[in-house]
């Protein structure tokens, strides 16, 4: 299984505030949909509850400590280990947040798909720092600010360096 973290972050690793995104980037939504569709996506309960409804064409794995959490046609688990066990037969699995979930999954992740938004934002949730001794930038593509996008941003793909 290839475990991939996918996130959009500000210049200082900002992810969100009050369980909401800090920007509206339609092309980034399209990329997220294209990458994650037809795969399992792992998230915390608050991230799941930030969606108006489950995302189509994806199997949701929701991590929560809440007892008797309704399954909403999702796989509900109590821990990272249980989540990893549920998805171990999959080719690709995406970790989609929130901040604490990203942090806990970092030791297990093989790839990071980042959208780095050019701006500083007020946030209460952050993406973990990336240790560049362990990660190498494999691809970067710039997207300029335009009529549909208030901010310029870069798509960045990081691969874990081999442990030699």
C-alpha atoms as a PDB file:
ATOM      1  CA  UNK A   1       0.000   0.000   0.000  1.00  0.00           C
ATOM      2  CA  UNK A   2       1.158   3.517  -0.829  1.00  0.00           C
ATOM      3  CA  UNK A   3       0.087   5.983   1.869  1.00  0.00           C
ATOM      4  CA  UNK A   4      -0.219   9.582   0.646  1.00  0.00           C
ATOM      5  CA  UNK A   5      -0.929  12.719   2.632  1.00  0.00           C
ATOM      6  CA  UNK A   6      -2.780  15.396   0.664  1.00  0.00           C
ATOM      7  CA  UNK A   7      -3.281  18.940   1.945  1.00  0.00           C
ATOM      8  CA  UNK A   8      -3.492  22.606   0.997  1.00  0.00           C
ATOM      9  CA  UNK A   9      -1.465  24.818   3.317  1.00  0.00           C
ATOM     10  CA  UNK A  10      -0.514  28.473   3.649  1.00  0.00           C
ATOM     11  CA  UNK A  11       3.028  29.842   3.763  1.00  0.00           C
ATOM     12  CA  UNK A  12       3.273  29.022   7.488  1.00  0.00           C
ATOM     13  CA  UNK A  13       1.615  25.594   7.244  1.00  0.00           C
ATOM     14  CA  UNK A  14      -1.876  26.959   7.965  1.00  0.00           C
ATOM     15  CA  UNK A  15      -4.643  24.432   7.254  1.00  0.00           C
ATOM     16  CA  UNK A  16      -7.874  25.879   8.566  1.00  0.00           C
ATOM     17  CA  UNK A  17      -9.775  27.829  11.150  1.00  0.00           C
ATOM     18  CA  UNK A  18     -12.980  26.859  12.957  1.00  0.00           C
ATOM     19  CA  UNK A  19     -13.021  23.588  10.983  1.00  0.00           C
ATOM     20  CA  UNK A  20     -13.156  25.465   7.650  1.00  0.00           C
ATOM     21  CA  UNK A  21     -10.714  25.971   4.790  1.00  0.00           C
ATOM     22  CA  UNK A  22      -9.030  29.370   4.542  1.00  0.00           C
ATOM     23  CA  UNK A  23      -9.373  29.833   0.771  1.00  0.00           C
ATOM     24  CA  UNK A  24     -11.445  28.800  -2.230  1.00  0.00           C
ATOM     25  CA  UNK A  25      -9.309  27.303  -5.013  1.00  0.00           C
ATOM     26  CA  UNK A  26     -11.481  25.534  -7.616  1.00  0.00           C
ATOM     27  CA  UNK A  27      -8.526  24.048  -9.516  1.00  0.00           C
ATOM     28  CA  UNK A  28      -7.131  22.603  -6.286  1.00  0.00           C
ATOM     29  CA  UNK A  29     -10.538  21.012  -5.549  1.00  0.00           C
ATOM     30  CA  UNK A  30     -10.459  19.447  -9.035  1.00  0.00           C
ATOM     31  CA  UNK A  31      -6.960  18.077  -8.407  1.00  0.00           C
ATOM     32  CA  UNK A  32      -7.982  16.710  -4.990  1.00  0.00           C
ATOM     33  CA  UNK A  33     -10.990  15.008  -6.573  1.00  0.00           C
ATOM     34  CA  UNK A  34      -8.925  13.565  -9.442  1.00  0.00           C
ATOM     35  CA  UNK A  35      -6.271  12.170  -7.099  1.00  0.00           C
ATOM     36  CA  UNK A  36      -8.514  10.791  -4.350  1.00  0.00           C
ATOM     37  CA  UNK A  37     -11.525   9.485  -6.327  1.00  0.00           C
ATOM     38  CA  UNK A  38     -11.912   5.698  -6.249  1.00  0.00           C
ATOM     39  CA  UNK A  39      -9.553   5.395  -3.265  1.00  0.00           C
ATOM     40  CA  UNK A  40      -9.890   5.147   0.492  1.00  0.00           C
ATOM     41  CA  UNK A  41      -9.488   8.478   2.328  1.00  0.00           C
ATOM     42  CA  UNK A  42      -8.575   8.624   6.012  1.00  0.00           C
ATOM     43  CA  UNK A  43      -9.592  11.569   8.176  1.00  0.00           C
ATOM     44  CA  UNK A  44     -10.452  12.632  11.675  1.00  0.00           C
ATOM     45  CA  UNK A  45     -14.035  13.073  12.798  1.00  0.00           C
ATOM     46  CA  UNK A  46     -13.944  16.887  12.643  1.00  0.00           C
ATOM     47  CA  UNK A  47     -12.698  16.831   9.057  1.00  0.00           C
ATOM     48  CA  UNK A  48     -15.449  14.387   8.133  1.00  0.00           C
ATOM     49  CA  UNK A  49     -18.067  16.570   9.829  1.00  0.00           C
ATOM     50  CA  UNK A  50     -16.862  19.618   7.879  1.00  0.00           C
ATOM     51  CA  UNK A  51     -18.256  18.056   4.667  1.00  0.00           C
ATOM     52  CA  UNK A  52     -21.907  18.661   3.800  1.00  0.00           C
ATOM     53  CA  UNK A  53     -22.092  14.942   2.898  1.00  0.00           C
ATOM     54  CA  UNK A  54     -19.563  12.153   2.252  1.00  0.00           C
ATOM     55  CA  UNK A  55     -17.410  12.801  -0.813  1.00  0.00           C
ATOM     56  CA  UNK A  56     -18.565  10.768  -3.815  1.00  0.00           C
ATOM     57  CA  UNK A  57     -16.529   7.899  -5.293  1.00  0.00           C
ATOM     58  CA  UNK A  58     -14.370   7.467  -2.186  1.00  0.00           C
ATOM     59  CA  UNK A  59     -14.443   5.160   0.810  1.00  0.00           C
ATOM     60  CA  UNK A  60     -14.191   7.220   3.986  1.00  0.00           C
ATOM     61  CA  UNK A  61     -12.251   5.961   6.996  1.00  0.00           C
ATOM     62  CA  UNK A  62     -13.102   8.171   9.980  1.00  0.00           C
ATOM     63  CA  UNK A  63     -10.979   8.124  13.135  1.00  0.00           C
ATOM     64  CA  UNK A  64     -12.801   9.091  16.316  1.00  0.00           C
ATOM     65  CA  UNK A  65     -12.602   8.389  20.030  1.00  0.00           C
ATOM     66  CA  UNK A  66     -16.366   8.917  20.335  1.00  0.00           C
ATOM     67  CA  UNK A  67     -18.252   5.829  21.394  1.00  0.00           C
ATOM     68  CA  UNK A  68     -21.151   4.740  19.162  1.00  0.00           C
ATOM     69  CA  UNK A  69     -20.268   7.240  16.426  1.00  0.00           C
ATOM     70  CA  UNK A  70     -22.766   6.720  13.554  1.00  0.00           C
ATOM     71  CA  UNK A  71     -21.059   5.168  10.557  1.00  0.00           C
ATOM     72  CA  UNK A  72     -22.654   7.380   7.847  1.00  0.00           C
ATOM     73  CA  UNK A  73     -21.778   4.551   5.414  1.00  0.00           C
ATOM     74  CA  UNK A  74     -18.113   5.003   6.357  1.00  0.00           C
ATOM     75  CA  UNK A  75     -15.552   2.828   8.079  1.00  0.00           C
ATOM     76  CA  UNK A  76     -15.318   4.155  11.644  1.00  0.00           C
ATOM     77  CA  UNK A  77     -12.178   3.322  13.632  1.00  0.00           C
ATOM     78  CA  UNK A  78     -10.742   4.308  17.010  1.00  0.00           C
ATOM     79  CA  UNK A  79      -7.026   4.596  16.144  1.00  0.00           C
ATOM     80  CA  UNK A  80      -4.364   5.097  13.493  1.00  0.00           C
ATOM     81  CA  UNK A  81      -3.376   1.424  13.802  1.00  0.00           C
ATOM     82  CA  UNK A  82      -6.960   0.323  13.214  1.00  0.00           C
ATOM     83  CA  UNK A  83      -7.236   2.660  10.205  1.00  0.00           C
ATOM     84  CA  UNK A  84      -4.026   1.279   8.697  1.00  0.00           C
ATOM     85  CA  UNK A  85      -5.249  -2.268   9.262  1.00  0.00           C
ATOM     86  CA  UNK A  86      -8.545  -1.538   7.460  1.00  0.00           C
ATOM     87  CA  UNK A  87      -6.780  -0.182   4.333  1.00  0.00           C
ATOM     88  CA  UNK A  88      -3.725  -2.450   4.111  1.00  0.00           C
ATOM     89  CA  UNK A  89      -5.025  -4.256   0.996  1.00  0.00           C
ATOM     90  CA  UNK A  90      -5.432  -1.030  -1.017  1.00  0.00           C
ATOM     91  CA  UNK A  91      -2.983   0.206  -3.666  1.00  0.00           C
ATOM     92  CA  UNK A  92      -3.209   3.884  -2.678  1.00  0.00           C
ATOM     93  CA  UNK A  93      -4.728   5.487   0.392  1.00  0.00           C
ATOM     94  CA  UNK A  94      -4.963   9.231   1.078  1.00  0.00           C
ATOM     95  CA  UNK A  95      -4.760  10.909   4.476  1.00  0.00           C
ATOM     96  CA  UNK A  96      -6.826  14.112   4.211  1.00  0.00           C
ATOM     97  CA  UNK A  97      -6.668  15.670   7.688  1.00  0.00           C
ATOM     98  CA  UNK A  98      -7.009  17.366  10.019  1.00  0.00           C
ATOM     99  CA  UNK A  99      -3.863  18.699  11.625  1.00  0.00           C
ATOM    100  CA  UNK A 100      -3.470  16.106  14.377  1.00  0.00           C
ATOM    101  CA  UNK A 101      -4.233  13.245  11.964  1.00  0.00           C
ATOM    102  CA  UNK A 102      -1.554  14.503   9.543  1.00  0.00           C
ATOM    103  CA  UNK A 103       0.949  14.687  12.410  1.00  0.00           C
ATOM    104  CA  UNK A 104       0.194  11.170  13.643  1.00  0.00           C
ATOM    105  CA  UNK A 105       0.381   9.643  10.151  1.00  0.00           C
ATOM    106  CA  UNK A 106       3.659  11.322   9.073  1.00  0.00           C
ATOM    107  CA  UNK A 107       5.896   8.404  10.163  1.00  0.00           C
ATOM    108  CA  UNK A 108       3.876   6.049   7.918  1.00  0.00           C
ATOM    109  CA  UNK A 109       3.412   8.243   4.838  1.00  0.00           C
ATOM    110  CA  UNK A 110       5.270   7.486   1.576  1.00  0.00           C
ATOM    111  CA  UNK A 111       4.330  10.651  -0.332  1.00  0.00           C
ATOM    112  CA  UNK A 112       3.067  14.158   0.391  1.00  0.00           C
ATOM    113  CA  UNK A 113       0.853  15.986  -2.106  1.00  0.00           C
ATOM    114  CA  UNK A 114       0.836  19.639  -1.035  1.00  0.00           C
ATOM    115  CA  UNK A 115      -0.845  22.674  -2.433  1.00  0.00           C
ATOM    116  CA  UNK A 116       1.200  25.549  -1.022  1.00  0.00           C
ATOM    117  CA  UNK A 117      -0.977  28.673  -1.067  1.00  0.00           C
ATOM    118  CA  UNK A 118       0.937  31.963  -1.366  1.00  0.00           C
ATOM    119  CA  UNK A 119      -0.443  33.975   1.496  1.00  0.00           C
ATOM    120  CA  UNK A 120      -0.468  34.321   5.255  1.00  0.00           C
ATOM    121  CA  UNK A 121      -3.649  33.290   6.992  1.00  0.00           C
ATOM    122  CA  UNK A 122      -5.143  33.338  10.465  1.00  0.00           C
ATOM    123  CA  UNK A 123      -5.529  29.708  11.453  1.00  0.00           C
ATOM    124  CA  UNK A 124      -6.083  27.402  14.391  1.00  0.00           C
ATOM    125  CA  UNK A 125      -4.972  24.200  12.640  1.00  0.00           C
ATOM    126  CA  UNK A 126      -1.573  23.570  11.045  1.00  0.00           C
ATOM    127  CA  UNK A 127       0.164  20.987   8.891  1.00  0.00           C
ATOM    128  CA  UNK A 128       3.235  19.445  10.568  1.00  0.00           C
ATOM    129  CA  UNK A 129       6.701  20.713   9.683  1.00  0.00           C
ATOM    130  CA  UNK A 130       8.335  18.716   6.900  1.00  0.00           C
ATOM    131  CA  UNK A 131      11.776  17.324   7.751  1.00  0.00           C
ATOM    132  CA  UNK A 132      13.631  17.874   4.480  1.00  0.00           C
ATOM    133  CA  UNK A 133      16.288  15.373   5.573  1.00  0.00           C
ATOM    134  CA  UNK A 134      13.581  12.726   5.099  1.00  0.00           C
ATOM    135  CA  UNK A 135      11.696  14.160   2.114  1.00  0.00           C
ATOM    136  CA  UNK A 136      12.683  15.216  -1.374  1.00  0.00           C
ATOM    137  CA  UNK A 137      10.738  17.502  -3.691  1.00  0.00           C
ATOM    138  CA  UNK A 138       9.937  15.390  -6.759  1.00  0.00           C
ATOM    139  CA  UNK A 139       7.657  17.787  -8.624  1.00  0.00           C
ATOM    140  CA  UNK A 140       6.500  21.392  -8.414  1.00  0.00           C
ATOM    141  CA  UNK A 141       3.997  23.204 -10.610  1.00  0.00           C
ATOM    142  CA  UNK A 142       2.952  26.842 -10.217  1.00  0.00           C
ATOM    143  CA  UNK A 143      -0.636  28.064 -10.545  1.00  0.00           C
ATOM    144  CA  UNK A 144      -0.973  31.844 -10.827  1.00  0.00           C
ATOM    145  CA  UNK A 145      -3.581  33.992  -9.186  1.00  0.00           C
ATOM    146  CA  UNK A 146      -6.468  34.555 -11.624  1.00  0.00           C
ATOM    147  CA  UNK A 147     -10.140  35.477 -11.826  1.00  0.00           C
ATOM    148  CA  UNK A 148     -11.209  32.221 -10.076  1.00  0.00           C
ATOM    149  CA  UNK A 149      -8.285  32.049  -7.633  1.00  0.00           C
ATOM    150  CA  UNK A 150      -7.621  34.861  -5.171  1.00  0.00           C
ATOM    151  CA  UNK A 151      -4.172  33.423  -4.384  1.00  0.00           C
ATOM    152  CA  UNK A 152      -1.338  31.964  -6.428  1.00  0.00           C
ATOM    153  CA  UNK A 153      -0.260  28.480  -5.322  1.00  0.00           C
ATOM    154  CA  UNK A 154       2.126  25.650  -6.102  1.00  0.00           C
ATOM    155  CA  UNK A 155       1.437  21.949  -6.337  1.00  0.00           C
ATOM    156  CA  UNK A 156       4.334  20.157  -4.651  1.00  0.00           C
ATOM    157  CA  UNK A 157       4.945  16.420  -4.538  1.00  0.00           C
ATOM    158  CA  UNK A 158       7.375  15.106  -1.921  1.00  0.00           C
ATOM    159  CA  UNK A 159       8.702  11.553  -1.822  1.00  0.00           C
ATOM    160  CA  UNK A 160      10.192   9.963   1.275  1.00  0.00           C
ATOM    161  CA  UNK A 161      13.933   9.515   0.835  1.00  0.00           C
ATOM    162  CA  UNK A 162      15.071   5.922   0.988  1.00  0.00           C
ATOM    163  CA  UNK A 163      16.443   4.810   4.325  1.00  0.00           C
ATOM    164  CA  UNK A 164      19.995   3.891   3.364  1.00  0.00           C
END
